[in-house]
Amino acid sequence: MRAAVLRDKRMVYRDDVPDPVPGPGQVLVAVRACGICGSDLHFASHGADVLALGGQMAGGAGTGMDVDMGRDIFMGHEFSAEVLEAGPDTETQSPGTLVTSLPVLLSATGVEPIVYSNSTIGGYAERMLLAAPLLLPIPNGLDFKHAALTEPMAVGLHAVNKSNIQPGETALVLGCGPIGIAIIASLRARGVESVVAADFSSKRRELATTMGAHQVLDPALGSPFDTVKAAVVFEAVGVPGIIDDVLLRARPGTRLVVAGVCMQPDTVHPFFAIAKEINVQFVLAYNPEEFADSLRALAEGDIDVTPLITGEVGLDGVGAAFDDLADPERHCKILVTP
């Protein structure tokens, strides 16, 4: 079987990966499309750091992944697929059904995240295993390429849900990469009447407008907070210094939702947040209901992800696509279509 795997910080094409065999409760599927996620790009460059930080967390909040960086690593968690066959004693959709799923595989040994693994195959492959109870048929004739973006759109929906924003409130989205764009789309679908987005990239500002932002700002020309009085600020940049700058510049009573994943140590001045009674909410991923709601929004036309898809490659082009995504002026989301 063909697949693209991470090896020595580079995506490498293979044509000798053994075909996965479904066990009880599992389904073998053919991958139809898989989006390349920014977290995959980061893991390719800083995987050891990601695993080390996850291992430090107490309370069962770590990554839950035992990954050997010296062996090939399977990735790809934004996917759509076609049902091929079910494992023993497993009821599922009929062969040929187009589906998507939470990126989690259930097995006799427990729960295996489909994110980074030496053994659990992800969406950068011809075929993979999914858990039968978690499969969601793709409804309304939705394009399987669009359905593959259910997962990142669910991340944006989760951030918006956590913010408790109301339609009459103003939202400021800092960063218009895929997650910032997903937040913008979810805000617009919710009926928020004033969505402002800020990004240094002209291409990303243009995309933010297409996806629903009412106003876009270039931070190079001045702080967005000099222009916008936002009730809710979504931080989707993920670099040191951003959170502290928001605390300094935001108005009293602001709700700050942090969706950007910063992997470096950061410094904040709690006094700024205390003096203004700023509420800070960190968010990650989504719940099953939000994943299903995201798929429904795509299928019913509430959100159109067509503008997000800026490239498409086969499995032998994944390595080059990882390189291309480093330039925000060129791409937003590249799909892998095996």
Protein backbone atom coordinates (compact mmCIF):
# COMPACT_ATOMS: atom_id res chain seq x y z
CA MET A 1 0.00 0.00 0.00
CA ARG A 2 1.13 3.56 -0.71
CA ALA A 3 1.51 6.15 2.05
CA ALA A 4 3.45 9.24 3.03
CA VAL A 5 5.26 8.99 6.39
CA LEU A 6 7.33 11.30 8.54
CA ARG A 7 10.98 10.27 8.67
CA ASP A 8 13.82 12.46 9.96
CA LYS A 9 11.60 15.59 9.86
CA ARG A 10 10.64 15.03 6.22
CA MET A 11 7.58 13.47 4.60
CA VAL A 12 8.69 10.43 2.63
CA TYR A 13 6.71 8.46 0.03
CA ARG A 14 6.41 4.70 0.55
CA ASP A 15 4.79 2.01 -1.57
CA ASP A 16 5.43 -0.93 0.76
CA VAL A 17 3.20 -0.26 3.77
CA PRO A 18 1.26 -3.39 4.77
CA ASP A 19 -2.49 -3.12 4.27
CA PRO A 20 -4.34 -2.59 7.57
CA VAL A 21 -6.71 -5.36 8.61
CA PRO A 22 -9.90 -4.41 10.47
CA GLY A 23 -10.60 -6.05 13.79
CA PRO A 24 -13.92 -6.28 15.63
CA GLY A 25 -15.67 -2.90 15.66
CA GLN A 26 -13.36 -1.52 12.98
CA VAL A 27 -13.86 -0.68 9.31
CA LEU A 28 -11.34 -0.63 6.46
CA VAL A 29 -11.77 2.50 4.35
CA ALA A 30 -10.17 3.97 1.27
CA VAL A 31 -9.00 7.52 1.92
CA ARG A 32 -10.56 9.93 -0.56
CA ALA A 33 -9.07 13.19 0.72
CA CYS A 34 -7.00 14.38 3.67
CA GLY A 35 -6.18 17.97 4.57
CA ILE A 36 -2.68 18.92 5.67
CA CYS A 37 -2.97 20.48 9.12
CA GLY A 38 -0.69 23.12 10.60
CA SER A 39 -0.16 20.86 13.60
CA ASP A 40 1.30 18.25 11.24
CA LEU A 41 3.72 20.83 9.87
CA HIS A 42 4.75 21.74 13.40
CA PHE A 43 5.15 18.11 14.46
CA ALA A 44 7.33 17.42 11.43
CA SER A 45 9.77 20.10 12.61
CA HIS A 46 9.37 19.90 16.39
CA GLY A 47 7.91 16.47 17.12
CA ALA A 48 10.30 15.64 19.94
CA ASP A 49 9.44 18.91 21.69
CA VAL A 50 5.71 18.27 21.29
CA LEU A 51 6.01 14.82 22.85
CA ALA A 52 8.24 16.11 25.66
CA LEU A 53 5.83 18.88 26.61
CA GLY A 54 2.86 16.52 26.46
CA GLY A 55 4.65 14.10 28.74
CA GLN A 56 5.14 16.78 31.38
CA MET A 57 1.45 17.46 31.86
CA ALA A 58 -0.18 16.11 34.99
CA GLY A 59 -3.74 14.97 35.54
CA GLY A 60 -3.96 12.73 32.48
CA ALA A 61 -3.85 15.68 30.12
CA GLY A 62 -0.77 14.61 28.16
CA THR A 63 -0.65 13.63 24.52
CA GLY A 64 -1.45 10.01 25.29
CA MET A 65 0.90 8.96 22.48
CA ASP A 66 3.90 6.70 22.69
CA VAL A 67 5.77 7.69 19.53
CA ASP A 68 9.29 6.70 18.55
CA MET A 69 10.75 9.58 16.55
CA GLY A 70 13.38 7.22 15.15
CA ARG A 71 10.78 5.19 13.25
CA ASP A 72 8.39 6.14 10.47
CA ILE A 73 5.37 8.09 11.74
CA PHE A 74 1.89 8.03 10.22
CA MET A 75 -0.13 11.25 10.23
CA GLY A 76 -3.25 12.79 8.67
CA HIS A 77 -6.37 13.52 10.74
CA GLU A 78 -8.54 15.69 8.43
CA PHE A 79 -10.05 13.07 6.15
CA SER A 80 -12.96 11.72 4.19
CA ALA A 81 -13.09 8.10 3.07
CA GLU A 82 -15.05 5.33 1.38
CA VAL A 83 -16.14 2.21 3.25
CA LEU A 84 -14.50 -0.96 1.93
CA GLU A 85 -15.17 -3.72 4.45
CA ALA A 86 -16.00 -4.28 8.09
CA GLY A 87 -14.12 -6.31 10.64
CA PRO A 88 -15.48 -9.49 12.27
CA ASP A 89 -18.94 -9.17 13.84
CA THR A 90 -19.12 -5.49 12.90
CA GLU A 91 -22.16 -3.71 11.53
CA THR A 92 -21.49 -0.58 9.54
CA GLN A 93 -22.43 1.33 6.42
CA SER A 94 -22.44 -0.61 3.17
CA PRO A 95 -19.32 -0.66 0.97
CA GLY A 96 -19.03 2.44 -1.18
CA THR A 97 -20.53 4.77 1.44
CA LEU A 98 -18.62 8.03 1.82
CA VAL A 99 -17.86 8.83 5.46
CA THR A 100 -15.80 10.90 7.80
CA SER A 101 -15.01 10.33 11.45
CA LEU A 102 -13.50 11.69 14.60
CA PRO A 103 -9.76 10.96 14.28
CA VAL A 104 -9.84 8.18 16.86
CA LEU A 105 -9.50 4.42 16.41
CA LEU A 106 -11.08 2.10 18.97
CA SER A 107 -9.43 -1.27 19.49
CA ALA A 108 -9.14 -4.08 21.99
CA THR A 109 -6.26 -2.20 23.63
CA GLY A 110 -8.18 1.03 24.05
CA VAL A 111 -8.36 4.39 22.28
CA GLU A 112 -5.74 5.24 19.66
CA PRO A 113 -5.67 8.85 18.43
CA ILE A 114 -5.26 9.15 14.67
CA VAL A 115 -2.76 11.97 14.87
CA TYR A 116 0.87 10.82 15.16
CA SER A 117 1.65 7.11 15.42
CA ASN A 118 4.21 4.48 14.46
CA SER A 119 1.43 1.95 13.89
CA THR A 120 -2.01 3.55 13.54
CA ILE A 121 -2.27 4.69 9.92
CA GLY A 122 -3.73 8.13 9.23
CA GLY A 123 -5.12 9.90 6.20
CA TYR A 124 -1.83 10.23 4.30
CA ALA A 125 -2.32 6.70 2.95
CA GLU A 126 -4.42 4.76 0.48
CA ARG A 127 -6.32 2.93 3.20
CA MET A 128 -6.80 3.21 6.95
CA LEU A 129 -8.91 1.81 9.77
CA LEU A 130 -11.74 3.66 11.47
CA ALA A 131 -14.05 2.84 14.37
CA ALA A 132 -17.48 1.72 13.16
CA PRO A 133 -19.40 3.50 15.98
CA LEU A 134 -17.76 6.81 15.11
CA LEU A 135 -18.43 6.86 11.37
CA LEU A 136 -20.55 9.70 10.01
CA PRO A 137 -21.95 9.27 6.49
CA ILE A 138 -21.34 12.32 4.31
CA PRO A 139 -24.84 13.76 3.70
CA ASN A 140 -26.58 15.76 0.99
CA GLY A 141 -24.12 14.82 -1.74
CA LEU A 142 -21.44 16.96 -0.08
CA ASP A 143 -18.17 16.89 -2.02
CA PHE A 144 -15.81 14.48 -0.26
CA LYS A 145 -13.05 17.08 -0.57
CA HIS A 146 -15.13 19.54 1.42
CA ALA A 147 -16.12 16.86 3.93
CA ALA A 148 -12.43 16.32 4.68
CA LEU A 149 -12.42 19.79 6.24
CA THR A 150 -15.04 18.86 8.83
CA GLU A 151 -12.29 18.43 11.42
CA PRO A 152 -10.60 21.87 11.17
CA MET A 153 -13.99 23.58 10.91
CA ALA A 154 -15.02 21.82 14.11
CA VAL A 155 -11.97 23.35 15.82
CA GLY A 156 -13.25 26.80 14.88
CA LEU A 157 -16.78 25.97 15.99
CA HIS A 158 -15.51 24.79 19.38
CA ALA A 159 -13.65 28.07 19.93
CA VAL A 160 -16.76 30.07 19.07
CA ASN A 161 -18.93 27.92 21.34
CA LYS A 162 -16.53 28.43 24.23
CA SER A 163 -16.65 32.20 23.75
CA ASN A 164 -20.41 32.41 24.34
CA ILE A 165 -20.46 35.26 21.84
CA GLN A 166 -23.83 36.82 21.01
CA PRO A 167 -24.89 38.06 17.55
CA GLY A 168 -24.75 41.72 18.55
CA GLU A 169 -21.22 41.55 19.93
CA THR A 170 -18.06 42.39 17.97
CA ALA A 171 -15.44 39.69 17.45
CA LEU A 172 -11.78 40.32 16.63
CA VAL A 173 -9.88 37.37 15.16
CA LEU A 174 -6.09 37.66 15.32
CA GLY A 175 -4.49 35.42 12.70
CA CYS A 176 -6.16 34.22 9.49
CA GLY A 177 -4.53 30.84 9.03
CA PRO A 178 -6.82 27.78 8.73
CA ILE A 179 -7.98 27.94 12.36
CA GLY A 180 -8.58 31.68 12.30
CA ILE A 181 -10.52 31.23 9.06
CA ALA A 182 -12.56 28.41 10.62
CA ILE A 183 -13.42 30.71 13.53
CA ILE A 184 -14.48 33.47 11.13
CA ALA A 185 -16.70 31.09 9.16
CA SER A 186 -18.33 29.82 12.35
CA LEU A 187 -18.92 33.36 13.63
CA ARG A 188 -20.56 34.34 10.36
CA ALA A 189 -22.72 31.20 10.34
CA ARG A 190 -23.83 32.02 13.89
CA GLY A 191 -25.01 35.44 12.78
CA VAL A 192 -22.42 37.57 14.55
CA GLU A 193 -22.95 40.99 13.01
CA SER A 194 -19.42 42.38 13.32
CA VAL A 195 -16.42 40.13 12.62
CA VAL A 196 -13.04 41.84 12.28
CA ALA A 197 -9.93 39.91 11.26
CA ALA A 198 -6.25 40.87 11.39
CA ASP A 199 -3.30 39.29 9.60
CA PHE A 200 -0.03 40.51 8.05
CA SER A 201 -0.70 38.48 4.88
CA SER A 202 -2.75 40.23 2.20
CA LYS A 203 -3.84 36.87 0.79
CA ARG A 204 -5.10 35.72 4.15
CA ARG A 205 -6.95 38.99 4.71
CA GLU A 206 -8.62 38.52 1.34
CA LEU A 207 -9.60 34.97 2.29
CA ALA A 208 -10.95 36.20 5.64
CA THR A 209 -13.26 38.58 3.77
CA THR A 210 -14.42 35.78 1.48
CA MET A 211 -15.20 33.56 4.46
CA GLY A 212 -17.23 36.16 6.31
CA ALA A 213 -15.15 38.88 7.96
CA HIS A 214 -16.86 42.27 7.74
CA GLN A 215 -13.57 44.15 8.14
CA VAL A 216 -9.90 43.19 7.80
CA LEU A 217 -6.87 44.92 9.23
CA ASP A 218 -3.13 44.83 8.57
CA PRO A 219 -1.29 44.84 11.95
CA ALA A 220 1.72 46.36 10.19
CA LEU A 221 -0.27 49.58 9.89
CA GLY A 222 -1.21 49.76 13.58
CA SER A 223 -2.65 47.75 16.41
CA PRO A 224 -6.12 46.34 15.66
CA PHE A 225 -7.16 47.49 19.12
CA ASP A 226 -6.75 51.10 18.01
CA THR A 227 -9.56 50.49 15.52
CA VAL A 228 -11.83 47.86 17.06
CA LYS A 229 -13.64 47.69 20.38
CA ALA A 230 -14.23 43.95 20.51
CA ALA A 231 -16.18 42.10 23.16
CA VAL A 232 -14.47 38.83 22.23
CA VAL A 233 -10.92 38.40 20.93
CA PHE A 234 -9.86 35.12 19.31
CA GLU A 235 -6.08 34.57 19.33
CA ALA A 236 -5.21 32.23 16.45
CA VAL A 237 -1.54 33.11 15.97
CA GLY A 238 0.26 30.98 18.56
CA VAL A 239 3.51 32.89 18.98
CA PRO A 240 5.03 34.32 22.17
CA GLY A 241 3.93 37.82 23.11
CA ILE A 242 0.50 37.82 21.52
CA ILE A 243 -1.48 37.00 24.67
CA ASP A 244 0.27 39.66 26.72
CA ASP A 245 -0.30 42.24 23.99
CA VAL A 246 -4.01 41.43 23.99
CA LEU A 247 -4.16 41.78 27.78
CA LEU A 248 -2.43 45.15 27.51
CA ARG A 249 -4.54 46.59 24.69
CA ALA A 250 -7.99 45.02 25.03
CA ARG A 251 -10.80 46.93 26.66
CA PRO A 252 -12.08 46.07 30.17
CA GLY A 253 -14.32 43.02 30.32
CA THR A 254 -12.96 41.46 27.12
CA ARG A 255 -13.27 37.72 26.69
CA LEU A 256 -10.05 36.30 25.21
CA VAL A 257 -10.24 32.88 23.55
CA VAL A 258 -6.80 31.37 22.87
CA ALA A 259 -6.91 28.94 19.95
CA GLY A 260 -3.35 29.44 18.71
CA VAL A 261 -0.98 26.75 19.94
CA CYS A 262 2.20 28.35 21.27
CA MET A 263 4.90 25.77 21.98
CA GLN A 264 7.46 28.16 23.44
CA PRO A 265 7.54 29.62 26.96
CA ASP A 266 5.61 32.87 27.07
CA THR A 267 5.44 35.78 29.51
CA VAL A 268 2.26 37.58 30.52
CA HIS A 269 1.52 40.35 32.98
CA PRO A 270 -1.44 39.12 35.05
CA PHE A 271 -1.95 42.70 36.28
CA PHE A 272 -3.30 43.74 32.88
CA ALA A 273 -5.97 41.02 33.00
CA ILE A 274 -6.75 41.61 36.65
CA ALA A 275 -7.13 45.36 36.29
CA LYS A 276 -9.52 44.93 33.34
CA GLU A 277 -11.24 41.73 34.57
CA ILE A 278 -10.41 39.98 31.31
CA ASN A 279 -11.66 36.42 31.00
CA VAL A 280 -9.09 34.12 29.34
CA GLN A 281 -10.26 30.80 27.86
CA PHE A 282 -7.83 28.33 26.29
CA VAL A 283 -9.41 25.91 23.80
CA LEU A 284 -8.41 22.69 22.05
CA ALA A 285 -10.11 20.53 19.43
CA TYR A 286 -13.88 19.86 19.79
CA ASN A 287 -16.40 17.37 21.12
CA PRO A 288 -18.30 14.74 19.08
CA GLU A 289 -21.41 16.91 18.87
CA GLU A 290 -19.41 19.82 17.46
CA PHE A 291 -17.79 17.53 14.89
CA ALA A 292 -21.24 16.40 13.73
CA ASP A 293 -22.52 19.99 13.73
CA SER A 294 -19.54 21.02 11.59
CA LEU A 295 -20.30 18.32 9.02
CA ARG A 296 -23.95 19.38 9.00
CA ALA A 297 -23.03 23.03 8.42
CA LEU A 298 -20.93 22.04 5.40
CA ALA A 299 -23.60 19.73 4.00
CA GLU A 300 -26.40 22.27 4.38
CA GLY A 301 -24.41 25.08 2.82
CA ASP A 302 -24.10 27.20 5.95
CA ILE A 303 -20.33 27.25 5.37
CA ASP A 304 -18.61 26.92 1.99
CA VAL A 305 -14.99 25.76 2.32
CA THR A 306 -14.25 25.92 -1.41
CA PRO A 307 -12.06 29.06 -1.05
CA LEU A 308 -9.89 27.37 1.60
CA ILE A 309 -8.68 24.61 -0.72
CA THR A 310 -5.74 26.12 -2.55
CA GLY A 311 -3.90 23.00 -3.68
CA GLU A 312 -4.15 19.26 -4.20
CA VAL A 313 -1.42 16.61 -4.33
CA GLY A 314 -1.03 12.87 -4.45
CA LEU A 315 0.79 10.83 -1.81
CA ASP A 316 4.07 11.34 -3.62
CA GLY A 317 3.65 15.11 -3.35
CA VAL A 318 3.07 15.42 0.39
CA GLY A 319 6.68 16.37 1.16
CA ALA A 320 6.64 19.25 -1.32
CA ALA A 321 3.24 20.35 -0.05
CA PHE A 322 4.60 20.61 3.50
CA ASP A 323 7.28 22.96 2.15
CA ASP A 324 4.77 25.01 0.13
CA LEU A 325 2.50 25.58 3.13
CA ALA A 326 5.26 27.54 4.85
CA ASP A 327 4.37 30.51 2.62
CA PRO A 328 1.05 32.09 3.69
CA GLU A 329 0.84 34.02 0.43
CA ARG A 330 0.63 30.79 -1.57
CA HIS A 331 -1.64 28.41 0.27
CA CYS A 332 -4.27 27.99 2.97
CA LYS A 333 -5.20 24.30 2.78
CA ILE A 334 -3.67 21.62 0.56
CA LEU A 335 -5.58 18.36 0.19
CA VAL A 336 -3.92 15.00 -0.26
CA THR A 337 -5.99 12.81 -2.61
CA PRO A 338 -4.54 9.28 -2.72
